[in-house]
C-alpha atoms as a PDB file:
ATOM      1  CA  UNK A   1     -54.240-135.232  -9.450  1.00  0.00           C
ATOM      2  CA  UNK A   2     -53.557-138.218  -7.290  1.00  0.00           C
ATOM      3  CA  UNK A   3     -50.868-138.095  -4.669  1.00  0.00           C
ATOM      4  CA  UNK A   4     -48.427-140.943  -4.345  1.00  0.00           C
ATOM      5  CA  UNK A   5     -47.020-142.866  -1.466  1.00  0.00           C
ATOM      6  CA  UNK A   6     -43.915-144.956  -1.326  1.00  0.00           C
ATOM      7  CA  UNK A   7     -43.209-148.244   0.345  1.00  0.00           C
ATOM      8  CA  UNK A   8     -39.573-148.817   1.085  1.00  0.00           C
ATOM      9  CA  UNK A   9     -38.827-152.417   0.313  1.00  0.00           C
ATOM     10  CA  UNK A  10     -36.817-154.177   2.963  1.00  0.00           C
ATOM     11  CA  UNK A  11     -34.262-155.156   0.397  1.00  0.00           C
ATOM     12  CA  UNK A  12     -30.881-153.467   0.645  1.00  0.00           C
ATOM     13  CA  UNK A  13     -28.914-152.943  -2.513  1.00  0.00           C
ATOM     14  CA  UNK A  14     -26.074-155.376  -3.149  1.00  0.00           C
ATOM     15  CA  UNK A  15     -22.501-154.169  -2.783  1.00  0.00           C
ATOM     16  CA  UNK A  16     -20.542-153.395  -5.923  1.00  0.00           C
ATOM     17  CA  UNK A  17     -16.805-152.830  -6.087  1.00  0.00           C
ATOM     18  CA  UNK A  18     -14.351-151.904  -3.399  1.00  0.00           C
ATOM     19  CA  UNK A  19     -16.131-148.647  -2.566  1.00  0.00           C
ATOM     20  CA  UNK A  20     -19.628-150.134  -2.871  1.00  0.00           C
ATOM     21  CA  UNK A  21     -20.557-147.653  -5.599  1.00  0.00           C
ATOM     22  CA  UNK A  22     -23.395-148.737  -7.874  1.00  0.00           C
ATOM     23  CA  UNK A  23     -23.385-147.678 -11.498  1.00  0.00           C
ATOM     24  CA  UNK A  24     -26.525-146.662 -13.363  1.00  0.00           C
ATOM     25  CA  UNK A  25     -26.534-150.067 -15.058  1.00  0.00           C
ATOM     26  CA  UNK A  26     -26.351-151.751 -11.638  1.00  0.00           C
ATOM     27  CA  UNK A  27     -29.454-149.821 -10.579  1.00  0.00           C
ATOM     28  CA  UNK A  28     -31.294-150.655 -13.799  1.00  0.00           C
ATOM     29  CA  UNK A  29     -30.530-154.335 -13.303  1.00  0.00           C
ATOM     30  CA  UNK A  30     -31.734-154.162  -9.694  1.00  0.00           C
ATOM     31  CA  UNK A  31     -35.103-152.682 -10.754  1.00  0.00           C
ATOM     32  CA  UNK A  32     -35.429-155.162 -13.621  1.00  0.00           C
ATOM     33  CA  UNK A  33     -34.814-158.178 -11.404  1.00  0.00           C
ATOM     34  CA  UNK A  34     -37.391-156.937  -8.897  1.00  0.00           C
ATOM     35  CA  UNK A  35     -39.956-156.558 -11.696  1.00  0.00           C
ATOM     36  CA  UNK A  36     -39.762-160.270 -12.496  1.00  0.00           C
ATOM     37  CA  UNK A  37     -41.478-160.955  -9.153  1.00  0.00           C
ATOM     38  CA  UNK A  38     -44.615-159.224 -10.499  1.00  0.00           C
ATOM     39  CA  UNK A  39     -44.857-161.242 -13.715  1.00  0.00           C
ATOM     40  CA  UNK A  40     -47.944-163.502 -13.674  1.00  0.00           C
ATOM     41  CA  UNK A  41     -47.105-166.951 -14.997  1.00  0.00           C
ATOM     42  CA  UNK A  42     -49.287-168.374 -17.739  1.00  0.00           C
ATOM     43  CA  UNK A  43     -50.608-164.974 -18.877  1.00  0.00           C
ATOM     44  CA  UNK A  44     -50.018-162.613 -21.765  1.00  0.00           C
ATOM     45  CA  UNK A  45     -47.804-159.667 -20.852  1.00  0.00           C
ATOM     46  CA  UNK A  46     -46.389-156.546 -22.496  1.00  0.00           C
ATOM     47  CA  UNK A  47     -42.673-155.840 -22.708  1.00  0.00           C
ATOM     48  CA  UNK A  48     -41.384-152.390 -23.582  1.00  0.00           C
ATOM     49  CA  UNK A  49     -38.201-150.910 -24.958  1.00  0.00           C
ATOM     50  CA  UNK A  50     -34.881-149.594 -23.718  1.00  0.00           C
ATOM     51  CA  UNK A  51     -31.784-150.395 -21.715  1.00  0.00           C
ATOM     52  CA  UNK A  52     -33.632-151.139 -18.466  1.00  0.00           C
ATOM     53  CA  UNK A  53     -36.007-153.458 -20.315  1.00  0.00           C
ATOM     54  CA  UNK A  54     -33.044-155.304 -21.801  1.00  0.00           C
ATOM     55  CA  UNK A  55     -32.067-156.239 -18.243  1.00  0.00           C
ATOM     56  CA  UNK A  56     -35.669-157.239 -17.505  1.00  0.00           C
ATOM     57  CA  UNK A  57     -35.884-159.585 -20.497  1.00  0.00           C
ATOM     58  CA  UNK A  58     -32.628-161.228 -19.451  1.00  0.00           C
ATOM     59  CA  UNK A  59     -33.822-161.593 -15.853  1.00  0.00           C
ATOM     60  CA  UNK A  60     -37.194-162.999 -16.923  1.00  0.00           C
ATOM     61  CA  UNK A  61     -35.549-165.461 -19.274  1.00  0.00           C
ATOM     62  CA  UNK A  62     -33.220-166.723 -16.559  1.00  0.00           C
ATOM     63  CA  UNK A  63     -35.914-166.838 -13.866  1.00  0.00           C
ATOM     64  CA  UNK A  64     -37.678-169.929 -15.147  1.00  0.00           C
ATOM     65  CA  UNK A  65     -41.042-168.140 -15.122  1.00  0.00           C
ATOM     66  CA  UNK A  66     -43.184-169.002 -18.133  1.00  0.00           C
ATOM     67  CA  UNK A  67     -45.641-166.596 -19.742  1.00  0.00           C
ATOM     68  CA  UNK A  68     -48.206-167.492 -22.386  1.00  0.00           C
ATOM     69  CA  UNK A  69     -46.797-164.827 -24.684  1.00  0.00           C
ATOM     70  CA  UNK A  70     -45.534-161.253 -24.767  1.00  0.00           C
ATOM     71  CA  UNK A  71     -46.396-158.274 -26.938  1.00  0.00           C
ATOM     72  CA  UNK A  72     -43.314-156.139 -27.446  1.00  0.00           C
ATOM     73  CA  UNK A  73     -42.721-152.636 -28.761  1.00  0.00           C
ATOM     74  CA  UNK A  74     -39.370-152.831 -30.557  1.00  0.00           C
ATOM     75  CA  UNK A  75     -37.185-155.043 -32.708  1.00  0.00           C
ATOM     76  CA  UNK A  76     -34.418-155.003 -30.093  1.00  0.00           C
ATOM     77  CA  UNK A  77     -36.743-156.352 -27.411  1.00  0.00           C
ATOM     78  CA  UNK A  78     -38.042-158.920 -29.897  1.00  0.00           C
ATOM     79  CA  UNK A  79     -34.501-160.168 -30.555  1.00  0.00           C
ATOM     80  CA  UNK A  80     -33.770-160.515 -26.839  1.00  0.00           C
ATOM     81  CA  UNK A  81     -37.060-162.301 -26.237  1.00  0.00           C
ATOM     82  CA  UNK A  82     -36.139-164.827 -28.914  1.00  0.00           C
ATOM     83  CA  UNK A  83     -32.719-165.318 -27.322  1.00  0.00           C
ATOM     84  CA  UNK A  84     -34.317-166.149 -23.970  1.00  0.00           C
ATOM     85  CA  UNK A  85     -37.164-168.161 -25.539  1.00  0.00           C
ATOM     86  CA  UNK A  86     -39.935-165.819 -24.431  1.00  0.00           C
ATOM     87  CA  UNK A  87     -42.809-166.392 -26.903  1.00  0.00           C
ATOM     88  CA  UNK A  88     -44.014-163.365 -28.850  1.00  0.00           C
ATOM     89  CA  UNK A  89     -47.610-162.567 -29.712  1.00  0.00           C
ATOM     90  CA  UNK A  90     -48.983-159.690 -31.799  1.00  0.00           C
ATOM     91  CA  UNK A  91     -51.122-157.010 -30.165  1.00  0.00           C
ATOM     92  CA  UNK A  92     -53.993-157.821 -32.529  1.00  0.00           C
ATOM     93  CA  UNK A  93     -54.161-161.359 -31.161  1.00  0.00           C
ATOM     94  CA  UNK A  94     -55.039-160.375 -27.584  1.00  0.00           C
ATOM     95  CA  UNK A  95     -57.790-158.345 -25.950  1.00  0.00           C
ATOM     96  CA  UNK A  96     -55.911-157.726 -22.698  1.00  0.00           C
ATOM     97  CA  UNK A  97     -52.516-158.103 -21.080  1.00  0.00           C
ATOM     98  CA  UNK A  98     -51.998-158.958 -17.437  1.00  0.00           C
ATOM     99  CA  UNK A  99     -49.174-156.464 -17.019  1.00  0.00           C
ATOM    100  CA  UNK A 100     -46.943-154.212 -19.079  1.00  0.00           C
ATOM    101  CA  UNK A 101     -43.353-153.672 -17.964  1.00  0.00           C
ATOM    102  CA  UNK A 102     -41.470-150.687 -19.356  1.00  0.00           C
ATOM    103  CA  UNK A 103     -39.048-147.945 -18.435  1.00  0.00           C
ATOM    104  CA  UNK A 104     -39.340-144.162 -18.658  1.00  0.00           C
ATOM    105  CA  UNK A 105     -37.234-141.204 -19.683  1.00  0.00           C
ATOM    106  CA  UNK A 106     -38.779-139.259 -16.791  1.00  0.00           C
ATOM    107  CA  UNK A 107     -41.431-140.148 -14.220  1.00  0.00           C
ATOM    108  CA  UNK A 108     -42.980-137.864 -11.608  1.00  0.00           C
ATOM    109  CA  UNK A 109     -44.500-138.446  -8.185  1.00  0.00           C
ATOM    110  CA  UNK A 110     -47.935-139.238  -9.620  1.00  0.00           C
ATOM    111  CA  UNK A 111     -46.382-141.751 -12.037  1.00  0.00           C
ATOM    112  CA  UNK A 112     -46.988-139.678 -15.149  1.00  0.00           C
ATOM    113  CA  UNK A 113     -44.128-140.087 -17.601  1.00  0.00           C
ATOM    114  CA  UNK A 114     -42.225-138.852 -20.597  1.00  0.00           C
ATOM    115  CA  UNK A 115     -41.399-141.758 -22.895  1.00  0.00           C
ATOM    116  CA  UNK A 116     -40.182-142.104 -26.461  1.00  0.00           C
ATOM    117  CA  UNK A 117     -36.453-141.579 -26.228  1.00  0.00           C
ATOM    118  CA  UNK A 118     -36.152-144.796 -28.211  1.00  0.00           C
ATOM    119  CA  UNK A 119     -38.753-143.586 -30.755  1.00  0.00           C
ATOM    120  CA  UNK A 120     -41.248-146.310 -29.761  1.00  0.00           C
ATOM    121  CA  UNK A 121     -43.812-144.066 -28.055  1.00  0.00           C
ATOM    122  CA  UNK A 122     -46.752-145.102 -30.271  1.00  0.00           C
ATOM    123  CA  UNK A 123     -46.461-148.891 -29.780  1.00  0.00           C
ATOM    124  CA  UNK A 124     -45.638-148.287 -26.114  1.00  0.00           C
ATOM    125  CA  UNK A 125     -48.843-146.313 -25.653  1.00  0.00           C
ATOM    126  CA  UNK A 126     -50.865-148.993 -27.461  1.00  0.00           C
ATOM    127  CA  UNK A 127     -49.477-151.780 -25.272  1.00  0.00           C
ATOM    128  CA  UNK A 128     -49.973-149.689 -22.125  1.00  0.00           C
ATOM    129  CA  UNK A 129     -53.653-149.283 -23.038  1.00  0.00           C
ATOM    130  CA  UNK A 130     -54.011-153.057 -23.429  1.00  0.00           C
ATOM    131  CA  UNK A 131     -52.549-153.786 -20.006  1.00  0.00           C
ATOM    132  CA  UNK A 132     -54.536-154.135 -16.811  1.00  0.00           C
ATOM    133  CA  UNK A 133     -51.465-153.047 -14.866  1.00  0.00           C
ATOM    134  CA  UNK A 134     -48.574-150.869 -16.022  1.00  0.00           C
ATOM    135  CA  UNK A 135     -45.350-151.291 -14.059  1.00  0.00           C
ATOM    136  CA  UNK A 136     -42.554-148.801 -14.697  1.00  0.00           C
ATOM    137  CA  UNK A 137     -38.995-149.767 -13.781  1.00  0.00           C
ATOM    138  CA  UNK A 138     -36.363-147.072 -13.409  1.00  0.00           C
ATOM    139  CA  UNK A 139     -33.249-145.949 -11.628  1.00  0.00           C
ATOM    140  CA  UNK A 140     -33.391-142.898  -9.390  1.00  0.00           C
ATOM    141  CA  UNK A 141     -32.074-140.519 -12.085  1.00  0.00           C
ATOM    142  CA  UNK A 142     -35.430-140.805 -13.908  1.00  0.00           C
ATOM    143  CA  UNK A 143     -37.559-139.838 -10.881  1.00  0.00           C
ATOM    144  CA  UNK A 144     -38.307-136.099 -11.031  1.00  0.00           C
ATOM    145  CA  UNK A 145     -40.443-133.531  -9.246  1.00  0.00           C
ATOM    146  CA  UNK A 146     -41.642-132.071 -12.546  1.00  0.00           C
ATOM    147  CA  UNK A 147     -41.590-133.400 -16.093  1.00  0.00           C
ATOM    148  CA  UNK A 148     -39.829-131.503 -18.838  1.00  0.00           C
ATOM    149  CA  UNK A 149     -36.063-131.564 -18.466  1.00  0.00           C
ATOM    150  CA  UNK A 150     -36.003-134.459 -20.929  1.00  0.00           C
ATOM    151  CA  UNK A 151     -37.270-133.218 -24.323  1.00  0.00           C
ATOM    152  CA  UNK A 152     -40.749-134.456 -25.193  1.00  0.00           C
ATOM    153  CA  UNK A 153     -40.745-136.811 -28.213  1.00  0.00           C
ATOM    154  CA  UNK A 154     -43.565-136.265 -30.683  1.00  0.00           C
ATOM    155  CA  UNK A 155     -44.248-138.605 -33.608  1.00  0.00           C
ATOM    156  CA  UNK A 156     -45.368-136.831 -36.773  1.00  0.00           C
ATOM    157  CA  UNK A 157     -46.377-137.774 -40.305  1.00  0.00           C
ATOM    158  CA  UNK A 158     -43.432-136.648 -42.495  1.00  0.00           C
ATOM    159  CA  UNK A 159     -45.487-134.411 -44.823  1.00  0.00           C
ATOM    160  CA  UNK A 160     -46.970-132.599 -41.805  1.00  0.00           C
ATOM    161  CA  UNK A 161     -43.692-132.100 -39.936  1.00  0.00           C
ATOM    162  CA  UNK A 162     -43.364-128.348 -40.531  1.00  0.00           C
ATOM    163  CA  UNK A 163     -47.059-127.667 -39.974  1.00  0.00           C
ATOM    164  CA  UNK A 164     -47.009-129.572 -36.688  1.00  0.00           C
ATOM    165  CA  UNK A 165     -43.817-127.795 -35.625  1.00  0.00           C
ATOM    166  CA  UNK A 166     -45.463-124.395 -36.146  1.00  0.00           C
ATOM    167  CA  UNK A 167     -48.418-125.408 -33.976  1.00  0.00           C
ATOM    168  CA  UNK A 168     -46.058-126.599 -31.252  1.00  0.00           C
ATOM    169  CA  UNK A 169     -44.254-123.243 -31.322  1.00  0.00           C
ATOM    170  CA  UNK A 170     -47.618-121.522 -30.739  1.00  0.00           C
ATOM    171  CA  UNK A 171     -47.981-123.677 -27.606  1.00  0.00           C
ATOM    172  CA  UNK A 172     -44.603-122.443 -26.351  1.00  0.00           C
ATOM    173  CA  UNK A 173     -42.480-125.359 -27.507  1.00  0.00           C
ATOM    174  CA  UNK A 174     -39.148-125.478 -29.296  1.00  0.00           C
ATOM    175  CA  UNK A 175     -39.270-128.482 -31.660  1.00  0.00           C
ATOM    176  CA  UNK A 176     -36.174-130.066 -33.159  1.00  0.00           C
ATOM    177  CA  UNK A 177     -36.181-132.815 -35.765  1.00  0.00           C
ATOM    178  CA  UNK A 178     -34.427-135.993 -34.650  1.00  0.00           C
ATOM    179  CA  UNK A 179     -32.155-136.447 -37.646  1.00  0.00           C
ATOM    180  CA  UNK A 180     -32.021-139.909 -39.195  1.00  0.00           C
ATOM    181  CA  UNK A 181     -34.792-141.302 -37.013  1.00  0.00           C
ATOM    182  CA  UNK A 182     -37.700-143.227 -38.490  1.00  0.00           C
ATOM    183  CA  UNK A 183     -40.275-144.871 -36.262  1.00  0.00           C
ATOM    184  CA  UNK A 184     -41.684-148.373 -36.633  1.00  0.00           C
ATOM    185  CA  UNK A 185     -44.462-146.856 -38.764  1.00  0.00           C
ATOM    186  CA  UNK A 186     -42.048-144.777 -40.884  1.00  0.00           C
ATOM    187  CA  UNK A 187     -42.904-141.491 -39.208  1.00  0.00           C
ATOM    188  CA  UNK A 188     -40.510-138.842 -37.869  1.00  0.00           C
ATOM    189  CA  UNK A 189     -39.762-137.615 -34.358  1.00  0.00           C
ATOM    190  CA  UNK A 190     -39.707-134.031 -33.130  1.00  0.00           C
ATOM    191  CA  UNK A 191     -37.995-133.547 -29.768  1.00  0.00           C
ATOM    192  CA  UNK A 192     -39.641-130.606 -28.025  1.00  0.00           C
ATOM    193  CA  UNK A 193     -38.308-128.417 -25.230  1.00  0.00           C
ATOM    194  CA  UNK A 194     -39.936-125.472 -23.521  1.00  0.00           C
ATOM    195  CA  UNK A 195     -43.534-126.668 -23.195  1.00  0.00           C
ATOM    196  CA  UNK A 196     -45.307-126.020 -19.914  1.00  0.00           C
ATOM    197  CA  UNK A 197     -45.771-129.533 -18.546  1.00  0.00           C
ATOM    198  CA  UNK A 198     -47.139-128.521 -15.153  1.00  0.00           C
ATOM    199  CA  UNK A 199     -50.432-130.162 -16.214  1.00  0.00           C
ATOM    200  CA  UNK A 200     -49.274-133.211 -18.199  1.00  0.00           C
ATOM    201  CA  UNK A 201     -52.748-134.615 -18.879  1.00  0.00           C
ATOM    202  CA  UNK A 202     -54.028-131.347 -20.356  1.00  0.00           C
ATOM    203  CA  UNK A 203     -50.940-130.960 -22.524  1.00  0.00           C
ATOM    204  CA  UNK A 204     -51.116-134.576 -23.723  1.00  0.00           C
ATOM    205  CA  UNK A 205     -54.680-134.025 -24.919  1.00  0.00           C
ATOM    206  CA  UNK A 206     -53.947-130.598 -26.430  1.00  0.00           C
ATOM    207  CA  UNK A 207     -51.033-131.902 -28.478  1.00  0.00           C
ATOM    208  CA  UNK A 208     -53.025-134.806 -29.843  1.00  0.00           C
ATOM    209  CA  UNK A 209     -55.555-132.384 -31.340  1.00  0.00           C
ATOM    210  CA  UNK A 210     -52.939-131.247 -33.882  1.00  0.00           C
ATOM    211  CA  UNK A 211     -53.550-132.662 -37.355  1.00  0.00           C
ATOM    212  CA  UNK A 212     -50.545-134.660 -38.553  1.00  0.00           C
ATOM    213  CA  UNK A 213     -49.323-135.345 -35.039  1.00  0.00           C
ATOM    214  CA  UNK A 214     -49.529-139.114 -34.571  1.00  0.00           C
ATOM    215  CA  UNK A 215     -48.770-139.373 -30.854  1.00  0.00           C
ATOM    216  CA  UNK A 216     -46.805-137.622 -28.128  1.00  0.00           C
ATOM    217  CA  UNK A 217     -44.602-139.044 -25.396  1.00  0.00           C
ATOM    218  CA  UNK A 218     -46.623-137.860 -22.404  1.00  0.00           C
ATOM    219  CA  UNK A 219     -48.066-140.812 -20.510  1.00  0.00           C
ATOM    220  CA  UNK A 220     -50.521-138.993 -18.263  1.00  0.00           C
ATOM    221  CA  UNK A 221     -53.873-140.353 -19.401  1.00  0.00           C
ATOM    222  CA  UNK A 222     -52.358-143.828 -18.998  1.00  0.00           C
ATOM    223  CA  UNK A 223     -49.880-143.305 -16.178  1.00  0.00           C
ATOM    224  CA  UNK A 224     -48.079-146.169 -14.475  1.00  0.00           C
ATOM    225  CA  UNK A 225     -49.804-148.119 -11.711  1.00  0.00           C
ATOM    226  CA  UNK A 226     -46.552-148.963  -9.940  1.00  0.00           C
ATOM    227  CA  UNK A 227     -43.001-147.640 -10.065  1.00  0.00           C
ATOM    228  CA  UNK A 228     -40.149-149.949  -9.135  1.00  0.00           C
ATOM    229  CA  UNK A 229     -37.441-147.424  -8.315  1.00  0.00           C
ATOM    230  CA  UNK A 230     -33.844-148.501  -7.765  1.00  0.00           C
ATOM    231  CA  UNK A 231     -31.742-146.338  -5.467  1.00  0.00           C
ATOM    232  CA  UNK A 232     -28.305-147.005  -4.048  1.00  0.00           C
ATOM    233  CA  UNK A 233     -30.046-147.682  -0.731  1.00  0.00           C
ATOM    234  CA  UNK A 234     -32.291-150.336  -2.293  1.00  0.00           C
ATOM    235  CA  UNK A 235     -35.653-150.753  -4.007  1.00  0.00           C
ATOM    236  CA  UNK A 236     -38.683-148.521  -3.462  1.00  0.00           C
ATOM    237  CA  UNK A 237     -42.187-149.350  -4.656  1.00  0.00           C
ATOM    238  CA  UNK A 238     -44.207-146.226  -5.422  1.00  0.00           C
ATOM    239  CA  UNK A 239     -47.858-146.225  -6.434  1.00  0.00           C
ATOM    240  CA  UNK A 240     -50.814-143.810  -6.494  1.00  0.00           C
ATOM    241  CA  UNK A 241     -53.265-143.769  -3.606  1.00  0.00           C
ATOM    242  CA  UNK A 242     -56.213-146.103  -4.093  1.00  0.00           C
END
């Protein structure tokens, strides 16, 4: 497993309020605005899903930077892209993306992640695979020593839900159906606690062997290439050793 090093950006955080206390949204916005600097103009890019990405789309739209088109992973992101006149392109129309910008529910020191809190883990994994560079943007609450406090989302075919759940229990997990949740492809989500995620890559591959399991929210095989981490002290750029 690759180690990681961090580069502390010489960019102090702005002051907020009388006591200079930054909210989580302030930190998300800080990371999102920094990410715009990495967007290559005139190329196809990928744009993910979630509250931090909402700030990124806004920042990109206001920056004046122009991309050839963006593949997105959710209807909410699509709506915001339209608002800021960022052209959309379908994943089937491109063979590669210059970069993919997305957030994470958890990310560790080697830039492996848990994603899927917004139920978009399958399109997110597809877009990540298309991208030459995957940049994760997050506030410091998402940066963890070990994955697993956040429940692992698993997308399942509805008719196989119980069968998949039994297999997950045999692996040590405690699956719970996310009530009322349907994915983009009309599948269901099991949120799983209790799995041993000390070896995320091995667990990602083991889970995907289960018949009826569409995809899981471990991003270890395709980890991020760069983490833009927002702390109250400022921005840190964290990437694996080359």
